[in-house]
Amino acid sequence: MADERKVNKIEGVQVYTREGKEGGFPTLDATTDIEHRRAIERIADRLQARGYGVLRTASQRAGRVHYRFEALWAGRGEPPDDPLDGAA
């Protein structure tokens, strides 16, 4: 099983990464509430532009709406070592 690593908060959103067997970070995800909805959308857009397939969802928990993305490397070759290109 891949090790989970945290990426520093980006625009107030904690992004989690999982390192692949061959290195790089093929899987990322984050969940946030409505306060950081726009930030999570920008992060997901950035990952999609870099070659990740991104699933975006909204769900209601405990009376609040939570926004989530899951990103999986879909580009050519190996996933980047820094999937968010230095953003922190």
PDB file of N, CA and C in Angstrom:
ATOM      1  N   MET A   1       0.848  -1.189   0.000  1.00  0.00           N
ATOM      2  CA  MET A   1       0.000   0.000   0.000  1.00  0.00           C
ATOM      3  C   MET A   1       0.889   1.247   0.000  1.00  0.00           C
ATOM      4  N   ALA A   2       0.460   2.220  -0.734  1.00  0.00           N
ATOM      5  CA  ALA A   2       1.263   3.444  -0.843  1.00  0.00           C
ATOM      6  C   ALA A   2       1.192   4.247   0.449  1.00  0.00           C
ATOM      7  N   ASP A   3       2.258   4.963   0.733  1.00  0.00           N
ATOM      8  CA  ASP A   3       2.289   5.839   1.898  1.00  0.00           C
ATOM      9  C   ASP A   3       1.489   7.095   1.606  1.00  0.00           C
ATOM     10  N   GLU A   4       0.726   7.547   2.600  1.00  0.00           N
ATOM     11  CA  GLU A   4      -0.004   8.799   2.442  1.00  0.00           C
ATOM     12  C   GLU A   4       0.863   9.931   2.950  1.00  0.00           C
ATOM     13  N   ARG A   5       0.889  11.005   2.212  1.00  0.00           N
ATOM     14  CA  ARG A   5       1.636  12.189   2.632  1.00  0.00           C
ATOM     15  C   ARG A   5       0.723  13.382   2.530  1.00  0.00           C
ATOM     16  N   LYS A   6       0.890  14.311   3.410  1.00  0.00           N
ATOM     17  CA  LYS A   6       0.130  15.552   3.331  1.00  0.00           C
ATOM     18  C   LYS A   6       0.932  16.572   2.545  1.00  0.00           C
ATOM     19  N   VAL A   7       0.231  17.361   1.778  1.00  0.00           N
ATOM     20  CA  VAL A   7       0.824  18.519   1.123  1.00  0.00           C
ATOM     21  C   VAL A   7       0.427  19.703   1.999  1.00  0.00           C
ATOM     22  N   ASN A   8       1.273  20.671   2.129  1.00  0.00           N
ATOM     23  CA  ASN A   8       0.899  21.858   2.907  1.00  0.00           C
ATOM     24  C   ASN A   8      -0.437  22.394   2.430  1.00  0.00           C
ATOM     25  N   LYS A   9      -1.100  23.124   3.302  1.00  0.00           N
ATOM     26  CA  LYS A   9      -2.377  23.710   2.919  1.00  0.00           C
ATOM     27  C   LYS A   9      -2.173  24.638   1.727  1.00  0.00           C
ATOM     28  N   ILE A  10      -3.066  24.519   0.779  1.00  0.00           N
ATOM     29  CA  ILE A  10      -3.048  25.351  -0.412  1.00  0.00           C
ATOM     30  C   ILE A  10      -4.342  26.137  -0.420  1.00  0.00           C
ATOM     31  N   GLU A  11      -4.241  27.438  -0.323  1.00  0.00           N
ATOM     32  CA  GLU A  11      -5.420  28.307  -0.271  1.00  0.00           C
ATOM     33  C   GLU A  11      -6.377  27.868   0.831  1.00  0.00           C
ATOM     34  N   GLY A  12      -5.856  27.381   1.940  1.00  0.00           N
ATOM     35  CA  GLY A  12      -6.670  26.971   3.069  1.00  0.00           C
ATOM     36  C   GLY A  12      -7.217  25.556   2.983  1.00  0.00           C
ATOM     37  N   VAL A  13      -6.847  24.806   1.941  1.00  0.00           N
ATOM     38  CA  VAL A  13      -7.339  23.443   1.732  1.00  0.00           C
ATOM     39  C   VAL A  13      -6.192  22.452   1.948  1.00  0.00           C
ATOM     40  N   GLN A  14      -6.402  21.447   2.809  1.00  0.00           N
ATOM     41  CA  GLN A  14      -5.401  20.397   3.035  1.00  0.00           C
ATOM     42  C   GLN A  14      -5.520  19.364   1.930  1.00  0.00           C
ATOM     43  N   VAL A  15      -4.471  19.206   1.136  1.00  0.00           N
ATOM     44  CA  VAL A  15      -4.448  18.245   0.032  1.00  0.00           C
ATOM     45  C   VAL A  15      -3.617  17.048   0.467  1.00  0.00           C
ATOM     46  N   TYR A  16      -4.161  15.851   0.264  1.00  0.00           N
ATOM     47  CA  TYR A  16      -3.464  14.612   0.610  1.00  0.00           C
ATOM     48  C   TYR A  16      -2.955  13.953  -0.656  1.00  0.00           C
ATOM     49  N   THR A  17      -1.759  13.397  -0.592  1.00  0.00           N
ATOM     50  CA  THR A  17      -1.169  12.706  -1.730  1.00  0.00           C
ATOM     51  C   THR A  17      -0.804  11.293  -1.332  1.00  0.00           C
ATOM     52  N   ARG A  18      -0.772  10.424  -2.318  1.00  0.00           N
ATOM     53  CA  ARG A  18      -0.307   9.059  -2.117  1.00  0.00           C
ATOM     54  C   ARG A  18       0.773   8.779  -3.145  1.00  0.00           C
ATOM     55  N   GLU A  19       1.938   8.401  -2.658  1.00  0.00           N
ATOM     56  CA  GLU A  19       3.070   8.159  -3.536  1.00  0.00           C
ATOM     57  C   GLU A  19       2.882   6.831  -4.260  1.00  0.00           C
ATOM     58  N   GLY A  20       3.216   6.810  -5.551  1.00  0.00           N
ATOM     59  CA  GLY A  20       3.094   5.597  -6.356  1.00  0.00           C
ATOM     60  C   GLY A  20       4.274   4.662  -6.159  1.00  0.00           C
ATOM     61  N   LYS A  21       4.134   3.443  -6.635  1.00  0.00           N
ATOM     62  CA  LYS A  21       5.196   2.434  -6.529  1.00  0.00           C
ATOM     63  C   LYS A  21       6.468   2.872  -7.247  1.00  0.00           C
ATOM     64  N   GLU A  22       6.300   3.569  -8.342  1.00  0.00           N
ATOM     65  CA  GLU A  22       7.429   4.003  -9.160  1.00  0.00           C
ATOM     66  C   GLU A  22       7.888   5.414  -8.818  1.00  0.00           C
ATOM     67  N   GLY A  23       7.335   6.005  -7.763  1.00  0.00           N
ATOM     68  CA  GLY A  23       7.652   7.382  -7.421  1.00  0.00           C
ATOM     69  C   GLY A  23       6.593   8.319  -7.958  1.00  0.00           C
ATOM     70  N   GLY A  24       6.779   9.573  -7.735  1.00  0.00           N
ATOM     71  CA  GLY A  24       5.779  10.550  -8.156  1.00  0.00           C
ATOM     72  C   GLY A  24       4.516  10.405  -7.327  1.00  0.00           C
ATOM     73  N   PHE A  25       3.529  11.214  -7.632  1.00  0.00           N
ATOM     74  CA  PHE A  25       2.293  11.220  -6.857  1.00  0.00           C
ATOM     75  C   PHE A  25       1.095  11.059  -7.790  1.00  0.00           C
ATOM     76  N   PRO A  26       0.669   9.805  -8.017  1.00  0.00           N
ATOM     77  CA  PRO A  26      -0.418   9.574  -8.954  1.00  0.00           C
ATOM     78  C   PRO A  26      -1.805   9.852  -8.389  1.00  0.00           C
ATOM     79  N   THR A  27      -1.957   9.960  -7.060  1.00  0.00           N
ATOM     80  CA  THR A  27      -3.274  10.136  -6.464  1.00  0.00           C
ATOM     81  C   THR A  27      -3.274  11.287  -5.467  1.00  0.00           C
ATOM     82  N   LEU A  28      -4.242  12.173  -5.584  1.00  0.00           N
ATOM     83  CA  LEU A  28      -4.406  13.292  -4.653  1.00  0.00           C
ATOM     84  C   LEU A  28      -5.889  13.440  -4.334  1.00  0.00           C
ATOM     85  N   ASP A  29      -6.188  13.972  -3.150  1.00  0.00           N
ATOM     86  CA  ASP A  29      -7.575  14.278  -2.832  1.00  0.00           C
ATOM     87  C   ASP A  29      -7.641  15.343  -1.750  1.00  0.00           C
ATOM     88  N   ALA A  30      -8.807  15.974  -1.659  1.00  0.00           N
ATOM     89  CA  ALA A  30      -9.054  16.994  -0.639  1.00  0.00           C
ATOM     90  C   ALA A  30     -10.552  17.128  -0.444  1.00  0.00           C
ATOM     91  N   THR A  31     -10.925  17.509   0.765  1.00  0.00           N
ATOM     92  CA  THR A  31     -12.324  17.776   1.106  1.00  0.00           C
ATOM     93  C   THR A  31     -12.372  19.084   1.873  1.00  0.00           C
ATOM     94  N   THR A  32     -13.383  19.897   1.605  1.00  0.00           N
ATOM     95  CA  THR A  32     -13.524  21.163   2.316  1.00  0.00           C
ATOM     96  C   THR A  32     -14.984  21.560   2.381  1.00  0.00           C
ATOM     97  N   ASP A  33     -15.264  22.608   3.104  1.00  0.00           N
ATOM     98  CA  ASP A  33     -16.632  23.105   3.200  1.00  0.00           C
ATOM     99  C   ASP A  33     -16.818  24.280   2.248  1.00  0.00           C
ATOM    100  N   ILE A  34     -17.974  24.880   2.311  1.00  0.00           N
ATOM    101  CA  ILE A  34     -18.318  25.935   1.351  1.00  0.00           C
ATOM    102  C   ILE A  34     -17.373  27.133   1.420  1.00  0.00           C
ATOM    103  N   GLU A  35     -16.781  27.354   2.584  1.00  0.00           N
ATOM    104  CA  GLU A  35     -15.856  28.489   2.743  1.00  0.00           C
ATOM    105  C   GLU A  35     -14.697  28.434   1.750  1.00  0.00           C
ATOM    106  N   HIS A  36     -14.224  27.232   1.431  1.00  0.00           N
ATOM    107  CA  HIS A  36     -13.076  27.068   0.533  1.00  0.00           C
ATOM    108  C   HIS A  36     -13.453  26.411  -0.800  1.00  0.00           C
ATOM    109  N   ARG A  37     -14.724  26.506  -1.158  1.00  0.00           N
ATOM    110  CA  ARG A  37     -15.187  25.862  -2.391  1.00  0.00           C
ATOM    111  C   ARG A  37     -14.415  26.345  -3.621  1.00  0.00           C
ATOM    112  N   ARG A  38     -14.254  27.627  -3.767  1.00  0.00           N
ATOM    113  CA  ARG A  38     -13.553  28.181  -4.944  1.00  0.00           C
ATOM    114  C   ARG A  38     -12.090  27.723  -4.979  1.00  0.00           C
ATOM    115  N   ALA A  39     -11.477  27.642  -3.800  1.00  0.00           N
ATOM    116  CA  ALA A  39     -10.084  27.192  -3.741  1.00  0.00           C
ATOM    117  C   ALA A  39      -9.968  25.747  -4.211  1.00  0.00           C
ATOM    118  N   ILE A  40     -10.879  24.894  -3.769  1.00  0.00           N
ATOM    119  CA  ILE A  40     -10.800  23.487  -4.170  1.00  0.00           C
ATOM    120  C   ILE A  40     -11.041  23.355  -5.673  1.00  0.00           C
ATOM    121  N   GLU A  41     -11.884  24.193  -6.223  1.00  0.00           N
ATOM    122  CA  GLU A  41     -12.105  24.181  -7.673  1.00  0.00           C
ATOM    123  C   GLU A  41     -10.845  24.605  -8.419  1.00  0.00           C
ATOM    124  N   ARG A  42     -10.142  25.635  -7.916  1.00  0.00           N
ATOM    125  CA  ARG A  42      -8.905  26.084  -8.572  1.00  0.00           C
ATOM    126  C   ARG A  42      -7.822  25.006  -8.503  1.00  0.00           C
ATOM    127  N   ILE A  43      -7.707  24.335  -7.362  1.00  0.00           N
ATOM    128  CA  ILE A  43      -6.708  23.271  -7.210  1.00  0.00           C
ATOM    129  C   ILE A  43      -7.027  22.131  -8.170  1.00  0.00           C
ATOM    130  N   ALA A  44      -8.289  21.732  -8.239  1.00  0.00           N
ATOM    131  CA  ALA A  44      -8.697  20.658  -9.151  1.00  0.00           C
ATOM    132  C   ALA A  44      -8.433  21.056 -10.602  1.00  0.00           C
ATOM    133  N   ASP A  45      -8.717  22.311 -10.956  1.00  0.00           N
ATOM    134  CA  ASP A  45      -8.442  22.787 -12.322  1.00  0.00           C
ATOM    135  C   ASP A  45      -6.950  22.708 -12.634  1.00  0.00           C
ATOM    136  N   ARG A  46      -6.117  23.094 -11.666  1.00  0.00           N
ATOM    137  CA  ARG A  46      -4.663  23.074 -11.851  1.00  0.00           C
ATOM    138  C   ARG A  46      -4.177  21.643 -12.096  1.00  0.00           C
ATOM    139  N   LEU A  47      -4.697  20.690 -11.322  1.00  0.00           N
ATOM    140  CA  LEU A  47      -4.306  19.293 -11.494  1.00  0.00           C
ATOM    141  C   LEU A  47      -4.769  18.754 -12.844  1.00  0.00           C
ATOM    142  N   GLN A  48      -5.985  19.107 -13.236  1.00  0.00           N
ATOM    143  CA  GLN A  48      -6.505  18.645 -14.515  1.00  0.00           C
ATOM    144  C   GLN A  48      -5.649  19.182 -15.668  1.00  0.00           C
ATOM    145  N   ALA A  49      -5.230  20.415 -15.578  1.00  0.00           N
ATOM    146  CA  ALA A  49      -4.388  21.015 -16.611  1.00  0.00           C
ATOM    147  C   ALA A  49      -3.022  20.331 -16.691  1.00  0.00           C
ATOM    148  N   ARG A  50      -2.569  19.724 -15.599  1.00  0.00           N
ATOM    149  CA  ARG A  50      -1.265  19.054 -15.582  1.00  0.00           C
ATOM    150  C   ARG A  50      -1.332  17.603 -16.031  1.00  0.00           C
ATOM    151  N   GLY A  51      -2.543  17.070 -16.289  1.00  0.00           N
ATOM    152  CA  GLY A  51      -2.656  15.708 -16.792  1.00  0.00           C
ATOM    153  C   GLY A  51      -3.366  14.728 -15.874  1.00  0.00           C
ATOM    154  N   TYR A  52      -3.965  15.217 -14.814  1.00  0.00           N
ATOM    155  CA  TYR A  52      -4.712  14.357 -13.903  1.00  0.00           C
ATOM    156  C   TYR A  52      -6.179  14.282 -14.331  1.00  0.00           C
ATOM    157  N   GLY A  53      -6.777  13.108 -14.159  1.00  0.00           N
ATOM    158  CA  GLY A  53      -8.223  12.970 -14.280  1.00  0.00           C
ATOM    159  C   GLY A  53      -8.798  13.360 -12.925  1.00  0.00           C
ATOM    160  N   VAL A  54      -9.774  14.247 -12.890  1.00  0.00           N
ATOM    161  CA  VAL A  54     -10.268  14.778 -11.626  1.00  0.00           C
ATOM    162  C   VAL A  54     -11.770  14.543 -11.502  1.00  0.00           C
ATOM    163  N   LEU A  55     -12.169  13.920 -10.396  1.00  0.00           N
ATOM    164  CA  LEU A  55     -13.568  13.730 -10.053  1.00  0.00           C
ATOM    165  C   LEU A  55     -13.914  14.752  -8.981  1.00  0.00           C
ATOM    166  N   ARG A  56     -14.964  15.513  -9.213  1.00  0.00           N
ATOM    167  CA  ARG A  56     -15.389  16.539  -8.261  1.00  0.00           C
ATOM    168  C   ARG A  56     -16.780  16.163  -7.757  1.00  0.00           C
ATOM    169  N   THR A  57     -16.981  16.233  -6.451  1.00  0.00           N
ATOM    170  CA  THR A  57     -18.278  15.902  -5.882  1.00  0.00           C
ATOM    171  C   THR A  57     -18.647  16.888  -4.777  1.00  0.00           C
ATOM    172  N   ALA A  58     -19.939  16.978  -4.520  1.00  0.00           N
ATOM    173  CA  ALA A  58     -20.459  17.746  -3.388  1.00  0.00           C
ATOM    174  C   ALA A  58     -21.409  16.820  -2.640  1.00  0.00           C
ATOM    175  N   SER A  59     -21.326  16.819  -1.327  1.00  0.00           N
ATOM    176  CA  SER A  59     -22.204  15.978  -0.520  1.00  0.00           C
ATOM    177  C   SER A  59     -22.567  16.698   0.763  1.00  0.00           C
ATOM    178  N   GLN A  60     -23.675  16.297   1.317  1.00  0.00           N
ATOM    179  CA  GLN A  60     -24.125  16.920   2.558  1.00  0.00           C
ATOM    180  C   GLN A  60     -23.839  15.977   3.714  1.00  0.00           C
ATOM    181  N   ARG A  61     -23.177  16.523   4.748  1.00  0.00           N
ATOM    182  CA  ARG A  61     -22.874  15.781   5.977  1.00  0.00           C
ATOM    183  C   ARG A  61     -23.131  16.697   7.146  1.00  0.00           C
ATOM    184  N   ALA A  62     -23.817  16.174   8.122  1.00  0.00           N
ATOM    185  CA  ALA A  62     -24.060  16.916   9.362  1.00  0.00           C
ATOM    186  C   ALA A  62     -24.607  18.322   9.087  1.00  0.00           C
ATOM    187  N   GLY A  63     -25.508  18.407   8.118  1.00  0.00           N
ATOM    188  CA  GLY A  63     -26.137  19.684   7.825  1.00  0.00           C
ATOM    189  C   GLY A  63     -25.297  20.675   7.049  1.00  0.00           C
ATOM    190  N   ARG A  64     -24.126  20.256   6.576  1.00  0.00           N
ATOM    191  CA  ARG A  64     -23.240  21.145   5.810  1.00  0.00           C
ATOM    192  C   ARG A  64     -22.886  20.482   4.487  1.00  0.00           C
ATOM    193  N   VAL A  65     -22.655  21.301   3.485  1.00  0.00           N
ATOM    194  CA  VAL A  65     -22.220  20.789   2.184  1.00  0.00           C
ATOM    195  C   VAL A  65     -20.699  20.745   2.177  1.00  0.00           C
ATOM    196  N   HIS A  66     -20.151  19.611   1.760  1.00  0.00           N
ATOM    197  CA  HIS A  66     -18.706  19.437   1.654  1.00  0.00           C
ATOM    198  C   HIS A  66     -18.353  19.190   0.194  1.00  0.00           C
ATOM    199  N   TYR A  67     -17.253  19.789  -0.234  1.00  0.00           N
ATOM    200  CA  TYR A  67     -16.778  19.663  -1.600  1.00  0.00           C
ATOM    201  C   TYR A  67     -15.509  18.835  -1.593  1.00  0.00           C
ATOM    202  N   ARG A  68     -15.383  17.946  -2.567  1.00  0.00           N
ATOM    203  CA  ARG A  68     -14.259  17.015  -2.601  1.00  0.00           C
ATOM    204  C   ARG A  68     -13.796  16.851  -4.039  1.00  0.00           C
ATOM    205  N   PHE A  69     -12.499  16.647  -4.176  1.00  0.00           N
ATOM    206  CA  PHE A  69     -11.994  16.184  -5.462  1.00  0.00           C
ATOM    207  C   PHE A  69     -11.080  15.005  -5.222  1.00  0.00           C
ATOM    208  N   GLU A  70     -11.037  14.131  -6.201  1.00  0.00           N
ATOM    209  CA  GLU A  70     -10.076  13.030  -6.232  1.00  0.00           C
ATOM    210  C   GLU A  70      -9.391  13.124  -7.583  1.00  0.00           C
ATOM    211  N   ALA A  71      -8.084  13.100  -7.578  1.00  0.00           N
ATOM    212  CA  ALA A  71      -7.319  13.232  -8.823  1.00  0.00           C
ATOM    213  C   ALA A  71      -6.431  12.010  -8.996  1.00  0.00           C
ATOM    214  N   LEU A  72      -6.433  11.461 -10.191  1.00  0.00           N
ATOM    215  CA  LEU A  72      -5.618  10.293 -10.526  1.00  0.00           C
ATOM    216  C   LEU A  72      -4.820  10.613 -11.781  1.00  0.00           C
ATOM    217  N   TRP A  73      -3.534  10.299 -11.743  1.00  0.00           N
ATOM    218  CA  TRP A  73      -2.668  10.598 -12.878  1.00  0.00           C
ATOM    219  C   TRP A  73      -3.185   9.893 -14.123  1.00  0.00           C
ATOM    220  N   ALA A  74      -3.407  10.636 -15.196  1.00  0.00           N
ATOM    221  CA  ALA A  74      -3.885  10.100 -16.459  1.00  0.00           C
ATOM    222  C   ALA A  74      -2.995  10.535 -17.613  1.00  0.00           C
ATOM    223  N   GLY A  75      -1.957  11.296 -17.312  1.00  0.00           N
ATOM    224  CA  GLY A  75      -1.068  11.808 -18.352  1.00  0.00           C
ATOM    225  C   GLY A  75      -0.106  10.746 -18.851  1.00  0.00           C
ATOM    226  N   ARG A  76       0.704  11.127 -19.784  1.00  0.00           N
ATOM    227  CA  ARG A  76       1.713  10.218 -20.342  1.00  0.00           C
ATOM    228  C   ARG A  76       2.903  10.125 -19.409  1.00  0.00           C
ATOM    229  N   GLY A  77       3.486   8.961 -19.345  1.00  0.00           N
ATOM    230  CA  GLY A  77       4.679   8.775 -18.529  1.00  0.00           C
ATOM    231  C   GLY A  77       4.362   8.742 -17.052  1.00  0.00           C
ATOM    232  N   GLU A  78       5.371   9.064 -16.265  1.00  0.00           N
ATOM    233  CA  GLU A  78       5.244   9.026 -14.811  1.00  0.00           C
ATOM    234  C   GLU A  78       4.575  10.297 -14.288  1.00  0.00           C
ATOM    235  N   PRO A  79       3.871  10.193 -13.167  1.00  0.00           N
ATOM    236  CA  PRO A  79       3.279  11.403 -12.581  1.00  0.00           C
ATOM    237  C   PRO A  79       4.374  12.334 -12.078  1.00  0.00           C
ATOM    238  N   PRO A  80       4.092  13.621 -12.001  1.00  0.00           N
ATOM    239  CA  PRO A  80       5.109  14.572 -11.551  1.00  0.00           C
ATOM    240  C   PRO A  80       5.474  14.374 -10.082  1.00  0.00           C
ATOM    241  N   ASP A  81       6.720  14.681  -9.737  1.00  0.00           N
ATOM    242  CA  ASP A  81       7.150  14.624  -8.346  1.00  0.00           C
ATOM    243  C   ASP A  81       6.480  15.716  -7.523  1.00  0.00           C
ATOM    244  N   ASP A  82       6.131  16.813  -8.150  1.00  0.00           N
ATOM    245  CA  ASP A  82       5.458  17.922  -7.475  1.00  0.00           C
ATOM    246  C   ASP A  82       4.166  18.212  -8.243  1.00  0.00           C
ATOM    247  N   PRO A  83       3.082  17.495  -7.931  1.00  0.00           N
ATOM    248  CA  PRO A  83       1.869  17.602  -8.720  1.00  0.00           C
ATOM    249  C   PRO A  83       1.232  18.985  -8.718  1.00  0.00           C
ATOM    250  N   LEU A  84       1.492  19.772  -7.707  1.00  0.00           N
ATOM    251  CA  LEU A  84       0.897  21.106  -7.637  1.00  0.00           C
ATOM    252  C   LEU A  84       1.902  22.192  -7.974  1.00  0.00           C
ATOM    253  N   ASP A  85       3.013  21.791  -8.577  1.00  0.00           N
ATOM    254  CA  ASP A  85       3.989  22.714  -9.130  1.00  0.00           C
ATOM    255  C   ASP A  85       4.427  23.784  -8.131  1.00  0.00           C
ATOM    256  N   GLY A  86       4.748  23.333  -6.909  1.00  0.00           N
ATOM    257  CA  GLY A  86       5.301  24.245  -5.900  1.00  0.00           C
ATOM    258  C   GLY A  86       4.279  25.061  -5.150  1.00  0.00           C
ATOM    259  N   ALA A  87       2.988  24.916  -5.441  1.00  0.00           N
ATOM    260  CA  ALA A  87       1.970  25.698  -4.716  1.00  0.00           C
ATOM    261  C   ALA A  87       1.882  25.222  -3.280  1.00  0.00           C
ATOM    262  N   ALA A  88       1.819  26.153  -2.367  1.00  0.00           N
ATOM    263  CA  ALA A  88       1.652  25.805  -0.949  1.00  0.00           C
ATOM    264  C   ALA A  88       1.072  26.982  -0.216  1.00  0.00           C
TER     265      ALA A  88
END
